[in-house]
Amino acid sequence: MVKKLYGLIETGGTKFVLAIASSHKKILAEKHIPTISPEETLEQSIAWMASQSARIGRIDAIGISSFGPIQVDKTSPDWGNMLETPKPGWGGARIVEPFRKAFSVPIGLDTDVNAAAMAEGRWGAGRNQRTVVYITVGTGIGGGAVIEGRALHGLSHPEMGHMRVTRHPEDRDFPGVCPFHRDCLEGLAAGPAIIARWGANLSNLDENHISHDIISFYVAQMCTTLQSVMEPGRIILGGGVMQTPCIIERIRSWASKLQNDYFQGKPDQVIVSPDLKPYSGVLGALVLAEDALHLCHRN
């Protein structure tokens, strides 16, 4: 049987990760490019993917796991377009259409966190779990959920990073950096909020610095809220801030205090790191590409 080839794009606020793969265990080519203007970034992405297709073989489908907010409703005329976003210049950017014009193949699209949840649920830390949540804590905070293998959507995709949290007693004066809500979770605990307060990334601050307790407290509240809403088998924490040493252990400790042993899922079992890092988002794009091709053949 001839192997299928998939073009994979993980779009991020800082960089795009591009890849060609034939399976989740076989990534044949990979490239990172900086996220600049939509026109330049998409043009570079398409040019690289076209060059790899010419070298390796024809691409059968494309998967795009994207930062948001993005229109994921396929019945909408603006499917595949960015919505209002804090990323300067990217509001309304057409993400899917340039790839569709360039390659004329089925395209799957979802948020980077929904896609990562799908990949971790299929091949990684969420295997054999009915409900899996993937959270990224980095330049922003986003969350995606997969229930029985299907990504959670409502009127749009989830925006878990904008939930409200109780302020840490040592963090009452910081106003928050979210341009929409100021001191929502993202406004208090994402990378830019950490730098705005303390002038450095969390991993560069002393392990005894109060920042570690504050950020862990906020992320633990998010995990506790998610358990109260859907009791997932796994809450998978990815992103740059989560690479800080011992941060998972601190979050579990706070989650245990906040939950007071109420939920069936215990923090030391439920709150975990990704198995597929740093490829959770890229392999999420592979899930989307495979599903898009399967749907095309079925129709």
C-alpha atoms as a PDB file:
ATOM      1  CA  MET A   1       0.000   0.000   0.000  1.00  0.00           C
ATOM      2  CA  VAL A   2       1.315   3.448  -0.921  1.00  0.00           C
ATOM      3  CA  LYS A   3       2.013   5.595   2.114  1.00  0.00           C
ATOM      4  CA  LYS A   4       0.045   8.813   2.389  1.00  0.00           C
ATOM      5  CA  LEU A   5       1.919  12.078   2.881  1.00  0.00           C
ATOM      6  CA  TYR A   6       0.588  14.861   5.054  1.00  0.00           C
ATOM      7  CA  GLY A   7       1.491  18.523   5.260  1.00  0.00           C
ATOM      8  CA  LEU A   8       1.364  19.760   8.833  1.00  0.00           C
ATOM      9  CA  ILE A   9       1.207  23.323  10.139  1.00  0.00           C
ATOM     10  CA  GLU A  10       1.180  24.401  13.769  1.00  0.00           C
ATOM     11  CA  THR A  11       0.668  28.145  13.825  1.00  0.00           C
ATOM     12  CA  GLY A  12       1.816  30.030  16.890  1.00  0.00           C
ATOM     13  CA  GLY A  13       2.079  33.600  18.025  1.00  0.00           C
ATOM     14  CA  THR A  14       5.884  33.350  17.940  1.00  0.00           C
ATOM     15  CA  LYS A  15       6.591  30.776  15.243  1.00  0.00           C
ATOM     16  CA  PHE A  16       5.053  28.422  12.703  1.00  0.00           C
ATOM     17  CA  VAL A  17       6.133  24.779  12.877  1.00  0.00           C
ATOM     18  CA  LEU A  18       5.903  23.065   9.483  1.00  0.00           C
ATOM     19  CA  ALA A  19       6.343  19.373   8.779  1.00  0.00           C
ATOM     20  CA  ILE A  20       5.789  16.585   6.275  1.00  0.00           C
ATOM     21  CA  ALA A  21       4.856  13.232   7.784  1.00  0.00           C
ATOM     22  CA  SER A  22       3.685   9.799   6.736  1.00  0.00           C
ATOM     23  CA  SER A  23       2.653   8.745  10.263  1.00  0.00           C
ATOM     24  CA  HIS A  24       2.957   9.936  13.859  1.00  0.00           C
ATOM     25  CA  LYS A  25       6.222   8.034  14.093  1.00  0.00           C
ATOM     26  CA  LYS A  26       7.669   9.288  10.829  1.00  0.00           C
ATOM     27  CA  ILE A  27       8.196  13.014  10.362  1.00  0.00           C
ATOM     28  CA  LEU A  28      10.118  13.324   7.102  1.00  0.00           C
ATOM     29  CA  ALA A  29      10.904  17.045   7.123  1.00  0.00           C
ATOM     30  CA  GLU A  30      10.478  19.934   9.534  1.00  0.00           C
ATOM     31  CA  LYS A  31      11.019  23.685   9.584  1.00  0.00           C
ATOM     32  CA  HIS A  32      10.348  26.552  11.969  1.00  0.00           C
ATOM     33  CA  ILE A  33       9.681  30.059  10.675  1.00  0.00           C
ATOM     34  CA  PRO A  34       8.997  33.217  12.710  1.00  0.00           C
ATOM     35  CA  THR A  35       5.433  34.524  12.871  1.00  0.00           C
ATOM     36  CA  ILE A  36       5.617  37.920  11.212  1.00  0.00           C
ATOM     37  CA  SER A  37       2.858  39.398   9.021  1.00  0.00           C
ATOM     38  CA  PRO A  38       0.172  36.981   7.773  1.00  0.00           C
ATOM     39  CA  GLU A  39       1.161  37.523   4.129  1.00  0.00           C
ATOM     40  CA  GLU A  40       4.864  36.854   4.672  1.00  0.00           C
ATOM     41  CA  THR A  41       4.421  33.981   7.099  1.00  0.00           C
ATOM     42  CA  LEU A  42       1.878  32.121   4.958  1.00  0.00           C
ATOM     43  CA  GLU A  43       3.880  32.734   1.774  1.00  0.00           C
ATOM     44  CA  GLN A  44       7.018  31.278   3.360  1.00  0.00           C
ATOM     45  CA  SER A  45       5.043  28.316   4.739  1.00  0.00           C
ATOM     46  CA  ILE A  46       3.523  27.479   1.359  1.00  0.00           C
ATOM     47  CA  ALA A  47       6.858  27.843  -0.434  1.00  0.00           C
ATOM     48  CA  TRP A  48       8.583  25.458   1.981  1.00  0.00           C
ATOM     49  CA  MET A  49       5.766  22.918   1.809  1.00  0.00           C
ATOM     50  CA  ALA A  50       5.755  23.045  -1.992  1.00  0.00           C
ATOM     51  CA  SER A  51       9.535  22.490  -2.093  1.00  0.00           C
ATOM     52  CA  GLN A  52       9.241  19.481   0.217  1.00  0.00           C
ATOM     53  CA  SER A  53       6.361  18.078  -1.793  1.00  0.00           C
ATOM     54  CA  ALA A  54       8.503  18.304  -4.934  1.00  0.00           C
ATOM     55  CA  ARG A  55      11.351  16.528  -3.101  1.00  0.00           C
ATOM     56  CA  ILE A  56       9.441  13.852  -1.155  1.00  0.00           C
ATOM     57  CA  GLY A  57       6.178  13.332  -3.008  1.00  0.00           C
ATOM     58  CA  ARG A  58       2.691  14.700  -3.482  1.00  0.00           C
ATOM     59  CA  ILE A  59       0.909  15.778  -0.320  1.00  0.00           C
ATOM     60  CA  ASP A  60      -2.439  13.993   0.138  1.00  0.00           C
ATOM     61  CA  ALA A  61      -3.929  16.230   2.840  1.00  0.00           C
ATOM     62  CA  ILE A  62      -3.029  19.140   5.108  1.00  0.00           C
ATOM     63  CA  GLY A  63      -3.710  19.684   8.787  1.00  0.00           C
ATOM     64  CA  ILE A  64      -3.574  23.089  10.441  1.00  0.00           C
ATOM     65  CA  SER A  65      -3.513  23.459  14.214  1.00  0.00           C
ATOM     66  CA  SER A  66      -3.814  27.180  14.831  1.00  0.00           C
ATOM     67  CA  PHE A  67      -3.627  29.706  17.594  1.00  0.00           C
ATOM     68  CA  GLY A  68      -6.896  31.531  18.017  1.00  0.00           C
ATOM     69  CA  PRO A  69      -9.453  32.798  18.055  1.00  0.00           C
ATOM     70  CA  ILE A  70     -10.136  31.251  14.649  1.00  0.00           C
ATOM     71  CA  GLN A  71     -13.343  30.327  12.836  1.00  0.00           C
ATOM     72  CA  VAL A  72     -13.641  26.521  13.054  1.00  0.00           C
ATOM     73  CA  ASP A  73     -17.289  26.218  11.945  1.00  0.00           C
ATOM     74  CA  LYS A  74     -17.131  24.690   8.460  1.00  0.00           C
ATOM     75  CA  THR A  75     -20.607  25.974   7.644  1.00  0.00           C
ATOM     76  CA  SER A  76     -19.468  29.572   8.127  1.00  0.00           C
ATOM     77  CA  PRO A  77     -18.377  31.629   5.087  1.00  0.00           C
ATOM     78  CA  ASP A  78     -15.300  32.754   7.026  1.00  0.00           C
ATOM     79  CA  TRP A  79     -14.196  29.237   8.001  1.00  0.00           C
ATOM     80  CA  GLY A  80     -10.431  29.175   8.405  1.00  0.00           C
ATOM     81  CA  ASN A  81     -10.104  32.901   9.093  1.00  0.00           C
ATOM     82  CA  MET A  82      -8.665  34.439  12.235  1.00  0.00           C
ATOM     83  CA  LEU A  83     -11.177  36.288  14.393  1.00  0.00           C
ATOM     84  CA  GLU A  84     -10.408  39.223  16.675  1.00  0.00           C
ATOM     85  CA  THR A  85      -7.046  38.400  18.250  1.00  0.00           C
ATOM     86  CA  PRO A  86      -4.480  40.141  20.432  1.00  0.00           C
ATOM     87  CA  LYS A  87      -1.836  39.205  17.814  1.00  0.00           C
ATOM     88  CA  PRO A  88      -1.208  42.490  15.913  1.00  0.00           C
ATOM     89  CA  GLY A  89      -2.099  42.345  12.224  1.00  0.00           C
ATOM     90  CA  TRP A  90      -3.640  38.885  12.339  1.00  0.00           C
ATOM     91  CA  GLY A  91      -7.298  39.745  12.890  1.00  0.00           C
ATOM     92  CA  GLY A  92      -9.281  38.489   9.875  1.00  0.00           C
ATOM     93  CA  ALA A  93      -6.253  36.762   8.313  1.00  0.00           C
ATOM     94  CA  ARG A  94      -7.249  33.942   5.948  1.00  0.00           C
ATOM     95  CA  ILE A  95      -5.319  30.882   7.135  1.00  0.00           C
ATOM     96  CA  VAL A  96      -6.865  27.997   5.198  1.00  0.00           C
ATOM     97  CA  GLU A  97      -7.582  29.542   1.795  1.00  0.00           C
ATOM     98  CA  PRO A  98      -3.945  30.126   0.689  1.00  0.00           C
ATOM     99  CA  PHE A  99      -3.082  26.461   1.348  1.00  0.00           C
ATOM    100  CA  ARG A 100      -6.234  25.254  -0.408  1.00  0.00           C
ATOM    101  CA  LYS A 101      -5.378  27.298  -3.494  1.00  0.00           C
ATOM    102  CA  ALA A 102      -1.750  26.164  -3.501  1.00  0.00           C
ATOM    103  CA  PHE A 103      -2.316  22.423  -3.008  1.00  0.00           C
ATOM    104  CA  SER A 104      -5.961  21.528  -3.824  1.00  0.00           C
ATOM    105  CA  VAL A 105      -6.132  18.780  -1.180  1.00  0.00           C
ATOM    106  CA  PRO A 106      -8.422  18.167   1.814  1.00  0.00           C
ATOM    107  CA  ILE A 107      -7.602  20.420   4.759  1.00  0.00           C
ATOM    108  CA  GLY A 108      -8.383  19.849   8.418  1.00  0.00           C
ATOM    109  CA  LEU A 109      -8.425  22.763  10.855  1.00  0.00           C
ATOM    110  CA  ASP A 110      -8.797  23.228  14.577  1.00  0.00           C
ATOM    111  CA  THR A 111      -7.194  25.165  17.381  1.00  0.00           C
ATOM    112  CA  ASP A 112      -3.674  24.212  18.399  1.00  0.00           C
ATOM    113  CA  VAL A 113      -4.913  23.067  21.807  1.00  0.00           C
ATOM    114  CA  ASN A 114      -7.840  21.018  20.491  1.00  0.00           C
ATOM    115  CA  ALA A 115      -5.469  19.419  18.006  1.00  0.00           C
ATOM    116  CA  ALA A 116      -2.857  18.719  20.687  1.00  0.00           C
ATOM    117  CA  ALA A 117      -5.569  17.153  22.865  1.00  0.00           C
ATOM    118  CA  MET A 118      -6.533  14.916  19.946  1.00  0.00           C
ATOM    119  CA  ALA A 119      -2.937  13.807  19.361  1.00  0.00           C
ATOM    120  CA  GLU A 120      -2.226  13.191  23.048  1.00  0.00           C
ATOM    121  CA  GLY A 121      -5.519  11.323  23.303  1.00  0.00           C
ATOM    122  CA  ARG A 122      -4.693   9.139  20.312  1.00  0.00           C
ATOM    123  CA  TRP A 123      -0.966   8.491  20.817  1.00  0.00           C
ATOM    124  CA  GLY A 124       0.226  10.215  24.008  1.00  0.00           C
ATOM    125  CA  ALA A 125      -0.516  10.983  27.645  1.00  0.00           C
ATOM    126  CA  GLY A 126      -4.295  10.772  27.154  1.00  0.00           C
ATOM    127  CA  ARG A 127      -4.448   7.267  25.669  1.00  0.00           C
ATOM    128  CA  ASN A 128      -7.373   5.154  26.866  1.00  0.00           C
ATOM    129  CA  GLN A 129      -9.103   8.147  28.499  1.00  0.00           C
ATOM    130  CA  ARG A 130     -12.674   9.141  27.603  1.00  0.00           C
ATOM    131  CA  THR A 131     -12.048  12.841  28.224  1.00  0.00           C
ATOM    132  CA  VAL A 132      -8.725  14.605  27.718  1.00  0.00           C
ATOM    133  CA  VAL A 133      -7.928  18.298  28.184  1.00  0.00           C
ATOM    134  CA  TYR A 134      -4.778  19.907  26.826  1.00  0.00           C
ATOM    135  CA  ILE A 135      -3.667  23.274  28.190  1.00  0.00           C
ATOM    136  CA  THR A 136      -0.841  25.414  26.852  1.00  0.00           C
ATOM    137  CA  VAL A 137       0.679  28.081  29.087  1.00  0.00           C
ATOM    138  CA  GLY A 138       3.063  30.220  27.090  1.00  0.00           C
ATOM    139  CA  THR A 139       2.698  33.487  25.189  1.00  0.00           C
ATOM    140  CA  GLY A 140      -1.012  32.996  25.859  1.00  0.00           C
ATOM    141  CA  ILE A 141      -3.088  30.389  27.645  1.00  0.00           C
ATOM    142  CA  GLY A 142      -5.418  28.140  25.712  1.00  0.00           C
ATOM    143  CA  GLY A 143      -7.241  24.904  26.338  1.00  0.00           C
ATOM    144  CA  GLY A 144      -8.823  22.213  24.230  1.00  0.00           C
ATOM    145  CA  ALA A 145     -10.890  19.183  25.167  1.00  0.00           C
ATOM    146  CA  VAL A 146     -11.522  15.867  23.441  1.00  0.00           C
ATOM    147  CA  ILE A 147     -14.485  13.758  24.550  1.00  0.00           C
ATOM    148  CA  GLU A 148     -14.792  10.230  23.166  1.00  0.00           C
ATOM    149  CA  GLY A 149     -12.311  11.154  20.417  1.00  0.00           C
ATOM    150  CA  ARG A 150     -14.136  14.309  19.297  1.00  0.00           C
ATOM    151  CA  ALA A 151     -12.923  17.853  19.912  1.00  0.00           C
ATOM    152  CA  LEU A 152     -15.238  20.032  21.959  1.00  0.00           C
ATOM    153  CA  HIS A 153     -16.906  22.886  20.071  1.00  0.00           C
ATOM    154  CA  GLY A 154     -19.846  25.102  20.936  1.00  0.00           C
ATOM    155  CA  LEU A 155     -20.712  28.355  19.212  1.00  0.00           C
ATOM    156  CA  SER A 156     -16.960  28.484  18.667  1.00  0.00           C
ATOM    157  CA  HIS A 157     -13.961  26.719  20.175  1.00  0.00           C
ATOM    158  CA  PRO A 158     -13.244  26.864  23.930  1.00  0.00           C
ATOM    159  CA  GLU A 159     -11.373  29.887  25.312  1.00  0.00           C
ATOM    160  CA  MET A 160     -10.250  28.370  28.600  1.00  0.00           C
ATOM    161  CA  GLY A 161      -7.441  30.865  29.110  1.00  0.00           C
ATOM    162  CA  HIS A 162      -9.951  33.627  29.742  1.00  0.00           C
ATOM    163  CA  MET A 163     -11.680  32.071  32.737  1.00  0.00           C
ATOM    164  CA  ARG A 164     -11.675  34.125  35.937  1.00  0.00           C
ATOM    165  CA  VAL A 165      -9.563  33.108  38.906  1.00  0.00           C
ATOM    166  CA  THR A 166      -9.286  34.147  42.551  1.00  0.00           C
ATOM    167  CA  ARG A 167      -6.328  36.449  43.146  1.00  0.00           C
ATOM    168  CA  HIS A 168      -3.317  35.130  45.051  1.00  0.00           C
ATOM    169  CA  PRO A 169      -2.941  37.046  48.345  1.00  0.00           C
ATOM    170  CA  GLU A 170       0.529  38.218  47.270  1.00  0.00           C
ATOM    171  CA  ASP A 171      -0.677  39.316  43.825  1.00  0.00           C
ATOM    172  CA  ARG A 172      -3.556  41.698  44.432  1.00  0.00           C
ATOM    173  CA  ASP A 173      -2.128  44.855  42.837  1.00  0.00           C
ATOM    174  CA  PHE A 174      -1.039  43.609  39.404  1.00  0.00           C
ATOM    175  CA  PRO A 175      -3.774  44.704  36.957  1.00  0.00           C
ATOM    176  CA  GLY A 176      -3.203  41.933  34.400  1.00  0.00           C
ATOM    177  CA  VAL A 177      -2.177  42.170  30.746  1.00  0.00           C
ATOM    178  CA  CYS A 178      -5.099  40.704  28.793  1.00  0.00           C
ATOM    179  CA  PRO A 179      -6.309  43.455  26.432  1.00  0.00           C
ATOM    180  CA  PHE A 180      -9.878  42.138  26.713  1.00  0.00           C
ATOM    181  CA  HIS A 181     -10.263  41.156  30.391  1.00  0.00           C
ATOM    182  CA  ARG A 182      -7.147  42.437  32.173  1.00  0.00           C
ATOM    183  CA  ASP A 183      -6.861  39.911  35.043  1.00  0.00           C
ATOM    184  CA  CYS A 184      -8.331  36.734  33.594  1.00  0.00           C
ATOM    185  CA  LEU A 185      -6.140  33.624  33.828  1.00  0.00           C
ATOM    186  CA  GLU A 186      -4.167  34.548  30.692  1.00  0.00           C
ATOM    187  CA  GLY A 187      -3.787  38.115  31.896  1.00  0.00           C
ATOM    188  CA  LEU A 188      -2.244  36.881  35.156  1.00  0.00           C
ATOM    189  CA  ALA A 189      -0.328  33.699  34.338  1.00  0.00           C
ATOM    190  CA  ALA A 190       0.826  33.711  30.697  1.00  0.00           C
ATOM    191  CA  GLY A 191       4.423  34.509  29.770  1.00  0.00           C
ATOM    192  CA  PRO A 192       3.881  38.241  29.109  1.00  0.00           C
ATOM    193  CA  ALA A 193       2.177  38.653  32.504  1.00  0.00           C
ATOM    194  CA  ILE A 194       5.125  36.997  34.235  1.00  0.00           C
ATOM    195  CA  ILE A 195       7.621  39.270  32.483  1.00  0.00           C
ATOM    196  CA  ALA A 196       5.496  42.360  33.144  1.00  0.00           C
ATOM    197  CA  ARG A 197       5.589  41.658  36.893  1.00  0.00           C
ATOM    198  CA  TRP A 198       9.050  40.274  37.467  1.00  0.00           C
ATOM    199  CA  GLY A 199      11.104  41.153  34.386  1.00  0.00           C
ATOM    200  CA  ALA A 200      12.059  37.569  33.504  1.00  0.00           C
ATOM    201  CA  ASN A 201      10.653  34.229  32.370  1.00  0.00           C
ATOM    202  CA  LEU A 202       9.474  31.973  35.187  1.00  0.00           C
ATOM    203  CA  SER A 203      12.290  29.484  34.571  1.00  0.00           C
ATOM    204  CA  ASN A 204      14.855  32.266  35.054  1.00  0.00           C
ATOM    205  CA  LEU A 205      13.509  33.316  38.443  1.00  0.00           C
ATOM    206  CA  ASP A 206      14.870  31.695  41.620  1.00  0.00           C
ATOM    207  CA  GLU A 207      12.938  28.588  42.611  1.00  0.00           C
ATOM    208  CA  ASN A 208      12.059  30.227  45.942  1.00  0.00           C
ATOM    209  CA  HIS A 209      10.714  33.366  44.255  1.00  0.00           C
ATOM    210  CA  ILE A 210       7.031  34.047  45.018  1.00  0.00           C
ATOM    211  CA  SER A 211       6.265  33.937  41.275  1.00  0.00           C
ATOM    212  CA  HIS A 212       6.368  30.131  41.254  1.00  0.00           C
ATOM    213  CA  ASP A 213       3.706  29.894  43.952  1.00  0.00           C
ATOM    214  CA  ILE A 214       1.513  32.545  42.311  1.00  0.00           C
ATOM    215  CA  ILE A 215       1.550  31.001  38.831  1.00  0.00           C
ATOM    216  CA  SER A 216       1.039  27.492  40.207  1.00  0.00           C
ATOM    217  CA  PHE A 217      -1.951  28.727  42.228  1.00  0.00           C
ATOM    218  CA  TYR A 218      -3.618  30.197  39.145  1.00  0.00           C
ATOM    219  CA  VAL A 219      -3.036  27.174  36.908  1.00  0.00           C
ATOM    220  CA  ALA A 220      -4.212  24.847  39.703  1.00  0.00           C
ATOM    221  CA  GLN A 221      -7.473  26.814  39.852  1.00  0.00           C
ATOM    222  CA  MET A 222      -7.932  26.207  36.152  1.00  0.00           C
ATOM    223  CA  CYS A 223      -7.352  22.473  36.611  1.00  0.00           C
ATOM    224  CA  THR A 224      -9.789  22.342  39.527  1.00  0.00           C
ATOM    225  CA  THR A 225     -12.440  24.194  37.532  1.00  0.00           C
ATOM    226  CA  LEU A 226     -12.010  21.782  34.616  1.00  0.00           C
ATOM    227  CA  GLN A 227     -12.403  18.820  36.947  1.00  0.00           C
ATOM    228  CA  SER A 228     -15.597  20.276  38.376  1.00  0.00           C
ATOM    229  CA  VAL A 229     -16.996  20.758  34.861  1.00  0.00           C
ATOM    230  CA  MET A 230     -15.978  17.558  33.062  1.00  0.00           C
ATOM    231  CA  GLU A 231     -13.824  15.369  35.350  1.00  0.00           C
ATOM    232  CA  PRO A 232     -11.273  14.554  32.612  1.00  0.00           C
ATOM    233  CA  GLY A 233      -9.044  11.527  32.867  1.00  0.00           C
ATOM    234  CA  ARG A 234      -6.054  13.699  31.980  1.00  0.00           C
ATOM    235  CA  ILE A 235      -5.279  17.410  32.095  1.00  0.00           C
ATOM    236  CA  ILE A 236      -2.122  17.764  30.030  1.00  0.00           C
ATOM    237  CA  LEU A 237      -0.085  20.918  30.644  1.00  0.00           C
ATOM    238  CA  GLY A 238       2.185  22.101  27.826  1.00  0.00           C
ATOM    239  CA  GLY A 239       3.744  25.358  26.667  1.00  0.00           C
ATOM    240  CA  GLY A 240       6.882  27.273  27.547  1.00  0.00           C
ATOM    241  CA  VAL A 241       5.912  28.250  31.105  1.00  0.00           C
ATOM    242  CA  MET A 242       5.263  24.586  31.925  1.00  0.00           C
ATOM    243  CA  GLN A 243       8.893  23.747  31.160  1.00  0.00           C
ATOM    244  CA  THR A 244       9.895  25.450  34.417  1.00  0.00           C
ATOM    245  CA  PRO A 245      11.440  22.840  36.761  1.00  0.00           C
ATOM    246  CA  CYS A 246       9.046  21.438  39.382  1.00  0.00           C
ATOM    247  CA  ILE A 247       6.087  23.526  38.142  1.00  0.00           C
ATOM    248  CA  ILE A 248       3.851  20.463  37.635  1.00  0.00           C
ATOM    249  CA  GLU A 249       4.510  19.325  41.200  1.00  0.00           C
ATOM    250  CA  ARG A 250       3.634  22.790  42.547  1.00  0.00           C
ATOM    251  CA  ILE A 251       0.404  22.847  40.523  1.00  0.00           C
ATOM    252  CA  ARG A 252      -0.579  19.391  41.787  1.00  0.00           C
ATOM    253  CA  SER A 253       0.081  20.491  45.360  1.00  0.00           C
ATOM    254  CA  TRP A 254      -2.134  23.553  45.017  1.00  0.00           C
ATOM    255  CA  ALA A 255      -4.808  21.528  43.189  1.00  0.00           C
ATOM    256  CA  SER A 256      -4.901  19.038  46.066  1.00  0.00           C
ATOM    257  CA  LYS A 257      -5.511  21.865  48.540  1.00  0.00           C
ATOM    258  CA  LEU A 258      -8.174  23.464  46.387  1.00  0.00           C
ATOM    259  CA  GLN A 259     -10.018  20.212  45.692  1.00  0.00           C
ATOM    260  CA  ASN A 260      -9.857  18.937  49.270  1.00  0.00           C
ATOM    261  CA  ASP A 261     -10.012  15.333  48.017  1.00  0.00           C
ATOM    262  CA  TYR A 262     -13.458  15.882  46.461  1.00  0.00           C
ATOM    263  CA  PHE A 263     -13.030  14.645  42.883  1.00  0.00           C
ATOM    264  CA  GLN A 264     -12.488  11.087  41.724  1.00  0.00           C
ATOM    265  CA  GLY A 265      -9.448  12.101  39.683  1.00  0.00           C
ATOM    266  CA  LYS A 266      -6.456  12.835  41.910  1.00  0.00           C
ATOM    267  CA  PRO A 267      -4.056  15.606  40.846  1.00  0.00           C
ATOM    268  CA  ASP A 268      -0.954  13.399  40.851  1.00  0.00           C
ATOM    269  CA  GLN A 269      -2.644  11.114  38.297  1.00  0.00           C
ATOM    270  CA  VAL A 270      -4.732  13.580  36.291  1.00  0.00           C
ATOM    271  CA  ILE A 271      -2.384  16.586  35.915  1.00  0.00           C
ATOM    272  CA  VAL A 272       0.482  15.502  33.671  1.00  0.00           C
ATOM    273  CA  SER A 273       3.020  16.681  31.104  1.00  0.00           C
ATOM    274  CA  PRO A 274       2.606  15.864  27.384  1.00  0.00           C
ATOM    275  CA  ASP A 275       4.044  12.572  26.161  1.00  0.00           C
ATOM    276  CA  LEU A 276       4.440  13.937  22.630  1.00  0.00           C
ATOM    277  CA  LYS A 277       6.269  17.201  23.423  1.00  0.00           C
ATOM    278  CA  PRO A 278       7.496  19.150  21.563  1.00  0.00           C
ATOM    279  CA  TYR A 279       5.325  17.658  18.789  1.00  0.00           C
ATOM    280  CA  SER A 280       1.860  17.634  20.388  1.00  0.00           C
ATOM    281  CA  GLY A 281       0.610  20.483  18.175  1.00  0.00           C
ATOM    282  CA  VAL A 282       2.244  19.205  14.987  1.00  0.00           C
ATOM    283  CA  LEU A 283       0.931  15.696  15.533  1.00  0.00           C
ATOM    284  CA  GLY A 284      -2.445  17.259  16.279  1.00  0.00           C
ATOM    285  CA  ALA A 285      -2.265  18.686  12.765  1.00  0.00           C
ATOM    286  CA  LEU A 286      -1.614  15.125  11.568  1.00  0.00           C
ATOM    287  CA  VAL A 287      -4.833  13.938  13.244  1.00  0.00           C
ATOM    288  CA  LEU A 288      -6.697  16.740  11.469  1.00  0.00           C
ATOM    289  CA  ALA A 289      -5.115  15.909   8.102  1.00  0.00           C
ATOM    290  CA  GLU A 290      -5.860  12.183   8.424  1.00  0.00           C
ATOM    291  CA  ASP A 291      -9.450  12.867   9.439  1.00  0.00           C
ATOM    292  CA  ALA A 292      -9.924  15.366   6.574  1.00  0.00           C
ATOM    293  CA  LEU A 293      -8.664  12.815   4.040  1.00  0.00           C
ATOM    294  CA  HIS A 294     -10.843  10.079   5.510  1.00  0.00           C
ATOM    295  CA  LEU A 295     -13.904  12.316   5.388  1.00  0.00           C
ATOM    296  CA  CYS A 296     -13.150  13.239   1.767  1.00  0.00           C
ATOM    297  CA  HIS A 297     -12.917   9.575   0.748  1.00  0.00           C
ATOM    298  CA  ARG A 298     -16.073   8.713   2.677  1.00  0.00           C
ATOM    299  CA  ASN A 299     -18.002  11.419   0.855  1.00  0.00           C
END
